[in-house]
Amino acid sequence: MAFNIDYKEEENLNVFLSGDLDINSVETFKDDILEKYENIDKDVIIDLKDLEYIDSTGIGAIMTVYNDVKKKDRSLTVKNANRNIAKLFKITELDKIFNMEE
Protein backbone atom coordinates (compact mmCIF):
# COMPACT_ATOMS: atom_id res chain seq x y z
CA MET A 1 0.00 0.00 0.00
CA ALA A 2 1.25 3.47 -0.84
CA PHE A 3 2.44 5.66 2.00
CA ASN A 4 0.40 8.74 2.83
CA ILE A 5 0.69 11.51 5.41
CA ASP A 6 -2.03 13.96 6.47
CA TYR A 7 -2.04 16.77 9.00
CA LYS A 8 -4.59 18.42 11.20
CA GLU A 9 -3.39 21.38 13.20
CA GLU A 10 -5.30 22.09 16.39
CA GLU A 11 -3.76 22.71 19.80
CA ASN A 12 -1.32 19.99 18.69
CA LEU A 13 0.03 19.02 15.31
CA ASN A 14 -1.79 15.79 14.50
CA VAL A 15 -0.03 13.61 11.95
CA PHE A 16 -1.92 10.73 10.34
CA LEU A 17 0.15 8.04 8.64
CA SER A 18 -1.21 5.33 6.38
CA GLY A 19 0.32 2.58 4.29
CA ASP A 20 3.93 1.50 4.81
CA LEU A 21 6.59 3.66 6.47
CA ASP A 22 9.70 1.93 5.19
CA ILE A 23 12.91 2.53 3.31
CA ASN A 24 10.91 3.58 0.23
CA SER A 25 8.85 6.27 1.99
CA VAL A 26 11.03 7.38 4.88
CA GLU A 27 12.69 10.34 3.11
CA THR A 28 9.29 11.68 2.03
CA PHE A 29 8.04 11.35 5.61
CA LYS A 30 11.05 13.07 7.19
CA ASP A 31 11.26 15.90 4.65
CA ASP A 32 7.52 16.54 4.79
CA ILE A 33 7.03 16.50 8.55
CA LEU A 34 10.23 18.39 9.42
CA GLU A 35 9.37 21.12 6.91
CA LYS A 36 5.83 21.32 8.30
CA TYR A 37 7.07 21.41 11.92
CA GLU A 38 9.79 24.00 11.31
CA ASN A 39 7.53 26.98 12.03
CA ILE A 40 5.22 25.32 14.55
CA ASP A 41 5.65 25.32 18.31
CA LYS A 42 3.26 22.59 19.40
CA ASP A 43 3.24 19.05 20.68
CA VAL A 44 3.08 16.38 17.98
CA ILE A 45 0.69 13.44 17.92
CA ILE A 46 1.45 10.75 15.36
CA ASP A 47 -1.61 8.59 14.70
CA LEU A 48 -0.71 5.15 13.32
CA LYS A 49 -4.27 3.80 13.05
CA ASP A 50 -3.93 3.30 9.27
CA LEU A 51 -0.23 2.45 9.20
CA GLU A 52 0.13 -1.14 8.07
CA TYR A 53 3.89 -1.59 8.31
CA ILE A 54 6.98 0.14 9.67
CA ASP A 55 10.59 -0.96 9.39
CA SER A 56 13.73 0.17 11.22
CA THR A 57 14.20 3.16 8.90
CA GLY A 58 10.64 4.26 9.73
CA ILE A 59 11.38 3.96 13.45
CA GLY A 60 14.57 5.99 12.88
CA ALA A 61 12.57 8.68 11.07
CA ILE A 62 10.15 8.97 13.99
CA MET A 63 13.22 9.34 16.27
CA THR A 64 14.44 12.20 14.04
CA VAL A 65 11.07 13.93 14.43
CA TYR A 66 11.17 13.25 18.19
CA ASN A 67 14.57 14.98 18.43
CA ASP A 68 13.25 18.06 16.61
CA VAL A 69 10.20 18.16 18.86
CA LYS A 70 12.38 17.84 21.97
CA LYS A 71 14.56 20.78 20.84
CA LYS A 72 11.44 22.94 21.16
CA ASP A 73 10.69 21.48 24.61
CA ARG A 74 7.59 19.77 23.24
CA SER A 75 6.34 16.21 23.44
CA LEU A 76 5.71 13.53 20.84
CA THR A 77 2.89 11.05 21.28
CA VAL A 78 2.40 7.93 19.18
CA LYS A 79 -1.13 6.56 19.25
CA ASN A 80 -3.32 3.88 17.71
CA ALA A 81 -0.43 1.62 16.72
CA ASN A 82 -1.61 -1.81 15.63
CA ARG A 83 -0.48 -4.79 17.66
CA ASN A 84 2.64 -5.60 15.60
CA ILE A 85 3.81 -2.00 15.43
CA ALA A 86 3.19 -1.48 19.17
CA LYS A 87 5.23 -4.62 19.81
CA LEU A 88 8.11 -3.19 17.76
CA PHE A 89 8.07 0.01 19.86
CA LYS A 90 8.10 -2.15 23.01
CA ILE A 91 10.98 -4.39 21.82
CA THR A 92 13.09 -1.34 20.92
CA GLU A 93 12.05 0.27 24.24
CA LEU A 94 10.86 3.36 22.39
CA ASP A 95 7.62 3.06 24.34
CA LYS A 96 9.68 4.42 27.24
CA ILE A 97 10.77 7.47 25.21
CA PHE A 98 7.55 8.41 23.43
CA ASN A 99 4.14 8.81 24.98
CA MET A 100 2.31 5.74 23.68
CA GLU A 101 -1.49 5.76 23.61
CA GLU A 102 -4.00 3.13 22.59
PDB file of N, CA and C in Angstrom:
ATOM      1  N   MET A   1       0.845  -1.197   0.000  1.00  0.00           N
ATOM      2  CA  MET A   1       0.000   0.000   0.000  1.00  0.00           C
ATOM      3  C   MET A   1       0.880   1.247   0.000  1.00  0.00           C
ATOM      4  N   ALA A   2       0.491   2.224  -0.744  1.00  0.00           N
ATOM      5  CA  ALA A   2       1.255   3.469  -0.844  1.00  0.00           C
ATOM      6  C   ALA A   2       1.232   4.216   0.488  1.00  0.00           C
ATOM      7  N   PHE A   3       2.331   4.880   0.775  1.00  0.00           N
ATOM      8  CA  PHE A   3       2.443   5.664   1.997  1.00  0.00           C
ATOM      9  C   PHE A   3       1.733   7.005   1.814  1.00  0.00           C
ATOM     10  N   ASN A   4       1.064   7.441   2.876  1.00  0.00           N
ATOM     11  CA  ASN A   4       0.396   8.740   2.833  1.00  0.00           C
ATOM     12  C   ASN A   4       0.513   9.414   4.205  1.00  0.00           C
ATOM     13  N   ILE A   5       0.585  10.735   4.172  1.00  0.00           N
ATOM     14  CA  ILE A   5       0.686  11.508   5.411  1.00  0.00           C
ATOM     15  C   ILE A   5      -0.291  12.681   5.330  1.00  0.00           C
ATOM     16  N   ASP A   6      -1.086  12.849   6.381  1.00  0.00           N
ATOM     17  CA  ASP A   6      -2.031  13.958   6.466  1.00  0.00           C
ATOM     18  C   ASP A   6      -1.825  14.681   7.787  1.00  0.00           C
ATOM     19  N   TYR A   7      -2.210  15.949   7.801  1.00  0.00           N
ATOM     20  CA  TYR A   7      -2.043  16.766   8.999  1.00  0.00           C
ATOM     21  C   TYR A   7      -3.356  17.423   9.383  1.00  0.00           C
ATOM     22  N   LYS A   8      -3.489  17.618  10.682  1.00  0.00           N
ATOM     23  CA  LYS A   8      -4.588  18.417  11.198  1.00  0.00           C
ATOM     24  C   LYS A   8      -3.988  19.226  12.343  1.00  0.00           C
ATOM     25  N   GLU A   9      -4.004  20.538  12.186  1.00  0.00           N
ATOM     26  CA  GLU A   9      -3.394  21.384  13.200  1.00  0.00           C
ATOM     27  C   GLU A   9      -4.477  21.946  14.107  1.00  0.00           C
ATOM     28  N   GLU A  10      -4.389  21.578  15.372  1.00  0.00           N
ATOM     29  CA  GLU A  10      -5.302  22.094  16.390  1.00  0.00           C
ATOM     30  C   GLU A  10      -4.429  22.657  17.500  1.00  0.00           C
ATOM     31  N   GLU A  11      -4.694  22.254  18.763  1.00  0.00           N
ATOM     32  CA  GLU A  11      -3.763  22.706  19.798  1.00  0.00           C
ATOM     33  C   GLU A  11      -2.454  21.929  19.695  1.00  0.00           C
ATOM     34  N   ASN A  12      -2.506  20.790  18.999  1.00  0.00           N
ATOM     35  CA  ASN A  12      -1.323  19.987  18.686  1.00  0.00           C
ATOM     36  C   ASN A  12      -1.219  19.863  17.178  1.00  0.00           C
ATOM     37  N   LEU A  13      -0.080  19.396  16.718  1.00  0.00           N
ATOM     38  CA  LEU A  13       0.034  19.018  15.312  1.00  0.00           C
ATOM     39  C   LEU A  13      -0.262  17.530  15.239  1.00  0.00           C
ATOM     40  N   ASN A  14      -1.398  17.187  14.658  1.00  0.00           N
ATOM     41  CA  ASN A  14      -1.790  15.787  14.501  1.00  0.00           C
ATOM     42  C   ASN A  14      -1.313  15.300  13.148  1.00  0.00           C
ATOM     43  N   VAL A  15      -0.597  14.185  13.162  1.00  0.00           N
ATOM     44  CA  VAL A  15      -0.028  13.611  11.947  1.00  0.00           C
ATOM     45  C   VAL A  15      -0.642  12.222  11.767  1.00  0.00           C
ATOM     46  N   PHE A  16      -1.256  12.009  10.618  1.00  0.00           N
ATOM     47  CA  PHE A  16      -1.916  10.730  10.340  1.00  0.00           C
ATOM     48  C   PHE A  16      -1.141   9.997   9.251  1.00  0.00           C
ATOM     49  N   LEU A  17      -0.628   8.824   9.594  1.00  0.00           N
ATOM     50  CA  LEU A  17       0.149   8.038   8.638  1.00  0.00           C
ATOM     51  C   LEU A  17      -0.670   6.848   8.168  1.00  0.00           C
ATOM     52  N   SER A  18      -0.554   6.531   6.887  1.00  0.00           N
ATOM     53  CA  SER A  18      -1.211   5.334   6.379  1.00  0.00           C
ATOM     54  C   SER A  18      -0.290   4.653   5.374  1.00  0.00           C
ATOM     55  N   GLY A  19      -0.500   3.354   5.209  1.00  0.00           N
ATOM     56  CA  GLY A  19       0.321   2.577   4.290  1.00  0.00           C
ATOM     57  C   GLY A  19       1.547   2.015   4.983  1.00  0.00           C
ATOM     58  N   ASP A  20       2.681   2.063   4.294  1.00  0.00           N
ATOM     59  CA  ASP A  20       3.925   1.497   4.809  1.00  0.00           C
ATOM     60  C   ASP A  20       4.967   2.599   4.990  1.00  0.00           C
ATOM     61  N   LEU A  21       5.476   2.727   6.209  1.00  0.00           N
ATOM     62  CA  LEU A  21       6.586   3.656   6.471  1.00  0.00           C
ATOM     63  C   LEU A  21       7.850   2.807   6.488  1.00  0.00           C
ATOM     64  N   ASP A  22       8.515   2.773   5.332  1.00  0.00           N
ATOM     65  CA  ASP A  22       9.699   1.926   5.195  1.00  0.00           C
ATOM     66  C   ASP A  22      10.767   2.655   4.402  1.00  0.00           C
ATOM     67  N   ILE A  23      11.776   1.923   4.004  1.00  0.00           N
ATOM     68  CA  ILE A  23      12.912   2.533   3.314  1.00  0.00           C
ATOM     69  C   ILE A  23      12.494   3.298   2.061  1.00  0.00           C
ATOM     70  N   ASN A  24      11.374   2.914   1.457  1.00  0.00           N
ATOM     71  CA  ASN A  24      10.908   3.577   0.231  1.00  0.00           C
ATOM     72  C   ASN A  24      10.190   4.899   0.500  1.00  0.00           C
ATOM     73  N   SER A  25       9.654   5.067   1.698  1.00  0.00           N
ATOM     74  CA  SER A  25       8.854   6.265   1.987  1.00  0.00           C
ATOM     75  C   SER A  25       9.453   7.149   3.077  1.00  0.00           C
ATOM     76  N   VAL A  26      10.516   6.697   3.697  1.00  0.00           N
ATOM     77  CA  VAL A  26      11.032   7.375   4.884  1.00  0.00           C
ATOM     78  C   VAL A  26      11.546   8.795   4.588  1.00  0.00           C
ATOM     79  N   GLU A  27      12.191   8.993   3.442  1.00  0.00           N
ATOM     80  CA  GLU A  27      12.692  10.342   3.110  1.00  0.00           C
ATOM     81  C   GLU A  27      11.531  11.318   2.913  1.00  0.00           C
ATOM     82  N   THR A  28      10.487  10.866   2.231  1.00  0.00           N
ATOM     83  CA  THR A  28       9.292  11.682   2.028  1.00  0.00           C
ATOM     84  C   THR A  28       8.711  12.084   3.376  1.00  0.00           C
ATOM     85  N   PHE A  29       8.585  11.104   4.276  1.00  0.00           N
ATOM     86  CA  PHE A  29       8.039  11.347   5.614  1.00  0.00           C
ATOM     87  C   PHE A  29       8.873  12.393   6.348  1.00  0.00           C
ATOM     88  N   LYS A  30      10.188  12.159   6.433  1.00  0.00           N
ATOM     89  CA  LYS A  30      11.053  13.074   7.185  1.00  0.00           C
ATOM     90  C   LYS A  30      11.035  14.480   6.598  1.00  0.00           C
ATOM     91  N   ASP A  31      11.234  14.577   5.288  1.00  0.00           N
ATOM     92  CA  ASP A  31      11.264  15.897   4.650  1.00  0.00           C
ATOM     93  C   ASP A  31       9.954  16.635   4.878  1.00  0.00           C
ATOM     94  N   ASP A  32       8.848  15.935   4.691  1.00  0.00           N
ATOM     95  CA  ASP A  32       7.522  16.542   4.790  1.00  0.00           C
ATOM     96  C   ASP A  32       7.227  17.029   6.206  1.00  0.00           C
ATOM     97  N   ILE A  33       7.406  16.158   7.172  1.00  0.00           N
ATOM     98  CA  ILE A  33       7.029  16.504   8.548  1.00  0.00           C
ATOM     99  C   ILE A  33       7.990  17.541   9.146  1.00  0.00           C
ATOM    100  N   LEU A  34       9.279  17.433   8.852  1.00  0.00           N
ATOM    101  CA  LEU A  34      10.226  18.393   9.421  1.00  0.00           C
ATOM    102  C   LEU A  34      10.017  19.784   8.823  1.00  0.00           C
ATOM    103  N   GLU A  35       9.682  19.836   7.543  1.00  0.00           N
ATOM    104  CA  GLU A  35       9.373  21.124   6.911  1.00  0.00           C
ATOM    105  C   GLU A  35       8.100  21.718   7.516  1.00  0.00           C
ATOM    106  N   LYS A  36       7.108  20.872   7.720  1.00  0.00           N
ATOM    107  CA  LYS A  36       5.829  21.315   8.295  1.00  0.00           C
ATOM    108  C   LYS A  36       6.048  21.817   9.727  1.00  0.00           C
ATOM    109  N   TYR A  37       6.882  21.116  10.492  1.00  0.00           N
ATOM    110  CA  TYR A  37       7.066  21.413  11.918  1.00  0.00           C
ATOM    111  C   TYR A  37       8.009  22.597  12.161  1.00  0.00           C
ATOM    112  N   GLU A  38       8.785  22.956  11.159  1.00  0.00           N
ATOM    113  CA  GLU A  38       9.794  23.998  11.308  1.00  0.00           C
ATOM    114  C   GLU A  38       9.266  25.280  11.949  1.00  0.00           C
ATOM    115  N   ASN A  39       8.084  25.717  11.540  1.00  0.00           N
ATOM    116  CA  ASN A  39       7.532  26.984  12.032  1.00  0.00           C
ATOM    117  C   ASN A  39       6.376  26.796  13.013  1.00  0.00           C
ATOM    118  N   ILE A  40       6.309  25.631  13.610  1.00  0.00           N
ATOM    119  CA  ILE A  40       5.221  25.322  14.547  1.00  0.00           C
ATOM    120  C   ILE A  40       5.824  25.047  15.922  1.00  0.00           C
ATOM    121  N   ASP A  41       5.190  25.584  16.954  1.00  0.00           N
ATOM    122  CA  ASP A  41       5.649  25.324  18.314  1.00  0.00           C
ATOM    123  C   ASP A  41       4.515  24.639  19.073  1.00  0.00           C
ATOM    124  N   LYS A  42       4.339  23.364  18.790  1.00  0.00           N
ATOM    125  CA  LYS A  42       3.258  22.592  19.400  1.00  0.00           C
ATOM    126  C   LYS A  42       3.741  21.177  19.665  1.00  0.00           C
ATOM    127  N   ASP A  43       2.983  20.469  20.507  1.00  0.00           N
ATOM    128  CA  ASP A  43       3.240  19.046  20.683  1.00  0.00           C
ATOM    129  C   ASP A  43       2.802  18.324  19.414  1.00  0.00           C
ATOM    130  N   VAL A  44       3.397  17.164  19.177  1.00  0.00           N
ATOM    131  CA  VAL A  44       3.081  16.378  17.979  1.00  0.00           C
ATOM    132  C   VAL A  44       2.435  15.063  18.398  1.00  0.00           C
ATOM    133  N   ILE A  45       1.348  14.725  17.720  1.00  0.00           N
ATOM    134  CA  ILE A  45       0.692  13.436  17.921  1.00  0.00           C
ATOM    135  C   ILE A  45       0.728  12.702  16.586  1.00  0.00           C
ATOM    136  N   ILE A  46       1.386  11.556  16.574  1.00  0.00           N
ATOM    137  CA  ILE A  46       1.447  10.745  15.359  1.00  0.00           C
ATOM    138  C   ILE A  46       0.456   9.597  15.510  1.00  0.00           C
ATOM    139  N   ASP A  47      -0.550   9.594  14.659  1.00  0.00           N
ATOM    140  CA  ASP A  47      -1.610   8.587  14.699  1.00  0.00           C
ATOM    141  C   ASP A  47      -1.291   7.490  13.680  1.00  0.00           C
ATOM    142  N   LEU A  48      -1.110   6.273  14.180  1.00  0.00           N
ATOM    143  CA  LEU A  48      -0.715   5.148  13.323  1.00  0.00           C
ATOM    144  C   LEU A  48      -1.878   4.215  13.012  1.00  0.00           C
ATOM    145  N   LYS A  49      -3.097   4.667  13.237  1.00  0.00           N
ATOM    146  CA  LYS A  49      -4.269   3.803  13.051  1.00  0.00           C
ATOM    147  C   LYS A  49      -4.276   3.117  11.681  1.00  0.00           C
ATOM    148  N   ASP A  50      -3.894   3.849  10.625  1.00  0.00           N
ATOM    149  CA  ASP A  50      -3.934   3.301   9.273  1.00  0.00           C
ATOM    150  C   ASP A  50      -2.563   2.904   8.736  1.00  0.00           C
ATOM    151  N   LEU A  51      -1.559   2.899   9.624  1.00  0.00           N
ATOM    152  CA  LEU A  51      -0.233   2.453   9.201  1.00  0.00           C
ATOM    153  C   LEU A  51      -0.208   0.934   9.247  1.00  0.00           C
ATOM    154  N   GLU A  52       0.153   0.323   8.135  1.00  0.00           N
ATOM    155  CA  GLU A  52       0.132  -1.137   8.067  1.00  0.00           C
ATOM    156  C   GLU A  52       1.478  -1.760   8.408  1.00  0.00           C
ATOM    157  N   TYR A  53       2.556  -1.012   8.128  1.00  0.00           N
ATOM    158  CA  TYR A  53       3.888  -1.590   8.308  1.00  0.00           C
ATOM    159  C   TYR A  53       4.889  -0.476   8.582  1.00  0.00           C
ATOM    160  N   ILE A  54       5.860  -0.780   9.436  1.00  0.00           N
ATOM    161  CA  ILE A  54       6.977   0.141   9.674  1.00  0.00           C
ATOM    162  C   ILE A  54       8.231  -0.702   9.826  1.00  0.00           C
ATOM    163  N   ASP A  55       9.334  -0.244   9.214  1.00  0.00           N
ATOM    164  CA  ASP A  55      10.595  -0.956   9.389  1.00  0.00           C
ATOM    165  C   ASP A  55      11.543  -0.095  10.226  1.00  0.00           C
ATOM    166  N   SER A  56      12.779  -0.537  10.357  1.00  0.00           N
ATOM    167  CA  SER A  56      13.727   0.172  11.221  1.00  0.00           C
ATOM    168  C   SER A  56      14.010   1.589  10.717  1.00  0.00           C
ATOM    169  N   THR A  57      13.974   1.802   9.396  1.00  0.00           N
ATOM    170  CA  THR A  57      14.199   3.157   8.896  1.00  0.00           C
ATOM    171  C   THR A  57      13.030   4.066   9.277  1.00  0.00           C
ATOM    172  N   GLY A  58      11.823   3.507   9.304  1.00  0.00           N
ATOM    173  CA  GLY A  58      10.642   4.261   9.732  1.00  0.00           C
ATOM    174  C   GLY A  58      10.735   4.643  11.199  1.00  0.00           C
ATOM    175  N   ILE A  59      11.180   3.689  12.013  1.00  0.00           N
ATOM    176  CA  ILE A  59      11.382   3.959  13.446  1.00  0.00           C
ATOM    177  C   ILE A  59      12.430   5.071  13.603  1.00  0.00           C
ATOM    178  N   GLY A  60      13.511   4.977  12.833  1.00  0.00           N
ATOM    179  CA  GLY A  60      14.568   5.990  12.879  1.00  0.00           C
ATOM    180  C   GLY A  60      14.044   7.369  12.501  1.00  0.00           C
ATOM    181  N   ALA A  61      13.153   7.403  11.511  1.00  0.00           N
ATOM    182  CA  ALA A  61      12.573   8.677  11.068  1.00  0.00           C
ATOM    183  C   ALA A  61      11.718   9.289  12.172  1.00  0.00           C
ATOM    184  N   ILE A  62      10.960   8.463  12.876  1.00  0.00           N
ATOM    185  CA  ILE A  62      10.152   8.966  13.994  1.00  0.00           C
ATOM    186  C   ILE A  62      11.080   9.502  15.096  1.00  0.00           C
ATOM    187  N   MET A  63      12.224   8.847  15.293  1.00  0.00           N
ATOM    188  CA  MET A  63      13.216   9.338  16.269  1.00  0.00           C
ATOM    189  C   MET A  63      13.741  10.716  15.845  1.00  0.00           C
ATOM    190  N   THR A  64      13.973  10.906  14.557  1.00  0.00           N
ATOM    191  CA  THR A  64      14.437  12.203  14.044  1.00  0.00           C
ATOM    192  C   THR A  64      13.413  13.290  14.357  1.00  0.00           C
ATOM    193  N   VAL A  65      12.151  12.983  14.130  1.00  0.00           N
ATOM    194  CA  VAL A  65      11.074  13.932  14.431  1.00  0.00           C
ATOM    195  C   VAL A  65      11.044  14.195  15.940  1.00  0.00           C
ATOM    196  N   TYR A  66      11.156  13.126  16.726  1.00  0.00           N
ATOM    197  CA  TYR A  66      11.168  13.251  18.188  1.00  0.00           C
ATOM    198  C   TYR A  66      12.266  14.229  18.634  1.00  0.00           C
ATOM    199  N   ASN A  67      13.460  14.103  18.053  1.00  0.00           N
ATOM    200  CA  ASN A  67      14.573  14.981  18.430  1.00  0.00           C
ATOM    201  C   ASN A  67      14.272  16.439  18.110  1.00  0.00           C
ATOM    202  N   ASP A  68      13.639  16.686  16.967  1.00  0.00           N
ATOM    203  CA  ASP A  68      13.250  18.062  16.611  1.00  0.00           C
ATOM    204  C   ASP A  68      12.204  18.608  17.584  1.00  0.00           C
ATOM    205  N   VAL A  69      11.261  17.774  17.933  1.00  0.00           N
ATOM    206  CA  VAL A  69      10.195  18.163  18.864  1.00  0.00           C
ATOM    207  C   VAL A  69      10.800  18.482  20.235  1.00  0.00           C
ATOM    208  N   LYS A  70      11.727  17.647  20.677  1.00  0.00           N
ATOM    209  CA  LYS A  70      12.384  17.838  21.970  1.00  0.00           C
ATOM    210  C   LYS A  70      13.162  19.153  22.023  1.00  0.00           C
ATOM    211  N   LYS A  71      13.799  19.525  20.896  1.00  0.00           N
ATOM    212  CA  LYS A  71      14.561  20.783  20.841  1.00  0.00           C
ATOM    213  C   LYS A  71      13.676  21.976  21.164  1.00  0.00           C
ATOM    214  N   LYS A  72      12.384  21.865  20.870  1.00  0.00           N
ATOM    215  CA  LYS A  72      11.442  22.943  21.157  1.00  0.00           C
ATOM    216  C   LYS A  72      10.762  22.743  22.511  1.00  0.00           C
ATOM    217  N   ASP A  73      11.263  21.777  23.297  1.00  0.00           N
ATOM    218  CA  ASP A  73      10.690  21.476  24.607  1.00  0.00           C
ATOM    219  C   ASP A  73       9.240  21.026  24.509  1.00  0.00           C
ATOM    220  N   ARG A  74       8.933  20.293  23.476  1.00  0.00           N
ATOM    221  CA  ARG A  74       7.592  19.772  23.244  1.00  0.00           C
ATOM    222  C   ARG A  74       7.601  18.257  23.350  1.00  0.00           C
ATOM    223  N   SER A  75       6.411  17.668  23.321  1.00  0.00           N
ATOM    224  CA  SER A  75       6.338  16.209  23.439  1.00  0.00           C
ATOM    225  C   SER A  75       5.824  15.580  22.150  1.00  0.00           C
ATOM    226  N   LEU A  76       6.181  14.307  21.980  1.00  0.00           N
ATOM    227  CA  LEU A  76       5.707  13.530  20.840  1.00  0.00           C
ATOM    228  C   LEU A  76       4.931  12.334  21.382  1.00  0.00           C
ATOM    229  N   THR A  77       3.731  12.170  20.892  1.00  0.00           N
ATOM    230  CA  THR A  77       2.890  11.046  21.282  1.00  0.00           C
ATOM    231  C   THR A  77       2.631  10.186  20.053  1.00  0.00           C
ATOM    232  N   VAL A  78       2.742   8.887  20.237  1.00  0.00           N
ATOM    233  CA  VAL A  78       2.400   7.929  19.180  1.00  0.00           C
ATOM    234  C   VAL A  78       1.153   7.209  19.651  1.00  0.00           C
ATOM    235  N   LYS A  79       0.106   7.201  18.808  1.00  0.00           N
ATOM    236  CA  LYS A  79      -1.125   6.556  19.247  1.00  0.00           C
ATOM    237  C   LYS A  79      -1.712   5.667  18.153  1.00  0.00           C
ATOM    238  N   ASN A  80      -2.582   4.781  18.585  1.00  0.00           N
ATOM    239  CA  ASN A  80      -3.321   3.880  17.712  1.00  0.00           C
ATOM    240  C   ASN A  80      -2.439   2.949  16.885  1.00  0.00           C
ATOM    241  N   ALA A  81      -1.286   2.570  17.435  1.00  0.00           N
ATOM    242  CA  ALA A  81      -0.429   1.620  16.723  1.00  0.00           C
ATOM    243  C   ALA A  81      -1.091   0.242  16.751  1.00  0.00           C
ATOM    244  N   ASN A  82      -1.057  -0.452  15.618  1.00  0.00           N
ATOM    245  CA  ASN A  82      -1.610  -1.810  15.632  1.00  0.00           C
ATOM    246  C   ASN A  82      -0.709  -2.702  16.487  1.00  0.00           C
ATOM    247  N   ARG A  83      -1.162  -3.889  16.719  1.00  0.00           N
ATOM    248  CA  ARG A  83      -0.482  -4.794  17.657  1.00  0.00           C
ATOM    249  C   ARG A  83       0.984  -5.037  17.300  1.00  0.00           C
ATOM    250  N   ASN A  84       1.259  -5.315  16.016  1.00  0.00           N
ATOM    251  CA  ASN A  84       2.636  -5.600  15.604  1.00  0.00           C
ATOM    252  C   ASN A  84       3.540  -4.378  15.721  1.00  0.00           C
ATOM    253  N   ILE A  85       3.014  -3.230  15.352  1.00  0.00           N
ATOM    254  CA  ILE A  85       3.809  -1.999  15.432  1.00  0.00           C
ATOM    255  C   ILE A  85       4.047  -1.621  16.895  1.00  0.00           C
ATOM    256  N   ALA A  86       3.040  -1.760  17.730  1.00  0.00           N
ATOM    257  CA  ALA A  86       3.190  -1.477  19.166  1.00  0.00           C
ATOM    258  C   ALA A  86       4.257  -2.398  19.773  1.00  0.00           C
ATOM    259  N   LYS A  87       4.257  -3.647  19.328  1.00  0.00           N
ATOM    260  CA  LYS A  87       5.231  -4.624  19.812  1.00  0.00           C
ATOM    261  C   LYS A  87       6.652  -4.191  19.433  1.00  0.00           C
ATOM    262  N   LEU A  88       6.802  -3.672  18.230  1.00  0.00           N
ATOM    263  CA  LEU A  88       8.106  -3.189  17.764  1.00  0.00           C
ATOM    264  C   LEU A  88       8.595  -2.028  18.636  1.00  0.00           C
ATOM    265  N   PHE A  89       7.701  -1.103  18.980  1.00  0.00           N
ATOM    266  CA  PHE A  89       8.072   0.010  19.862  1.00  0.00           C
ATOM    267  C   PHE A  89       8.474  -0.518  21.245  1.00  0.00           C
ATOM    268  N   LYS A  90       7.794  -1.568  21.697  1.00  0.00           N
ATOM    269  CA  LYS A  90       8.100  -2.150  23.007  1.00  0.00           C
ATOM    270  C   LYS A  90       9.463  -2.851  22.988  1.00  0.00           C
ATOM    271  N   ILE A  91       9.712  -3.653  21.950  1.00  0.00           N
ATOM    272  CA  ILE A  91      10.977  -4.388  21.825  1.00  0.00           C
ATOM    273  C   ILE A  91      12.162  -3.422  21.788  1.00  0.00           C
ATOM    274  N   THR A  92      12.006  -2.322  21.057  1.00  0.00           N
ATOM    275  CA  THR A  92      13.087  -1.338  20.921  1.00  0.00           C
ATOM    276  C   THR A  92      13.126  -0.372  22.102  1.00  0.00           C
ATOM    277  N   GLU A  93      12.185  -0.551  23.037  1.00  0.00           N
ATOM    278  CA  GLU A  93      12.050   0.269  24.238  1.00  0.00           C
ATOM    279  C   GLU A  93      11.742   1.731  23.933  1.00  0.00           C
ATOM    280  N   LEU A  94      11.246   1.995  22.730  1.00  0.00           N
ATOM    281  CA  LEU A  94      10.855   3.362  22.394  1.00  0.00           C
ATOM    282  C   LEU A  94       9.558   3.751  23.088  1.00  0.00           C
ATOM    283  N   ASP A  95       8.837   2.762  23.567  1.00  0.00           N
ATOM    284  CA  ASP A  95       7.615   3.056  24.336  1.00  0.00           C
ATOM    285  C   ASP A  95       7.964   3.758  25.648  1.00  0.00           C
ATOM    286  N   LYS A  96       9.236   3.712  26.039  1.00  0.00           N
ATOM    287  CA  LYS A  96       9.685   4.416  27.242  1.00  0.00           C
ATOM    288  C   LYS A  96      10.083   5.862  26.919  1.00  0.00           C
ATOM    289  N   ILE A  97      10.344   6.140  25.644  1.00  0.00           N
ATOM    290  CA  ILE A  97      10.773   7.469  25.211  1.00  0.00           C
ATOM    291  C   ILE A  97       9.563   8.301  24.766  1.00  0.00           C
ATOM    292  N   PHE A  98       8.728   7.706  23.927  1.00  0.00           N
ATOM    293  CA  PHE A  98       7.547   8.405  23.427  1.00  0.00           C
ATOM    294  C   PHE A  98       6.385   8.174  24.382  1.00  0.00           C
ATOM    295  N   ASN A  99       5.433   9.075  24.347  1.00  0.00           N
ATOM    296  CA  ASN A  99       4.143   8.806  24.980  1.00  0.00           C
ATOM    297  C   ASN A  99       3.424   7.856  24.031  1.00  0.00           C
ATOM    298  N   MET A 100       3.036   6.695  24.516  1.00  0.00           N
ATOM    299  CA  MET A 100       2.311   5.740  23.683  1.00  0.00           C
ATOM    300  C   MET A 100       0.877   5.677  24.183  1.00  0.00           C
ATOM    301  N   GLU A 101      -0.072   5.832  23.261  1.00  0.00           N
ATOM    302  CA  GLU A 101      -1.490   5.757  23.614  1.00  0.00           C
ATOM    303  C   GLU A 101      -2.180   4.722  22.760  1.00  0.00           C
ATOM    304  N   GLU A 102      -3.197   4.113  23.350  1.00  0.00           N
ATOM    305  CA  GLU A 102      -4.005   3.131  22.589  1.00  0.00           C
ATOM    306  C   GLU A 102      -4.738   3.819  21.488  1.00  0.00           C
TER     307      GLU A 102
END
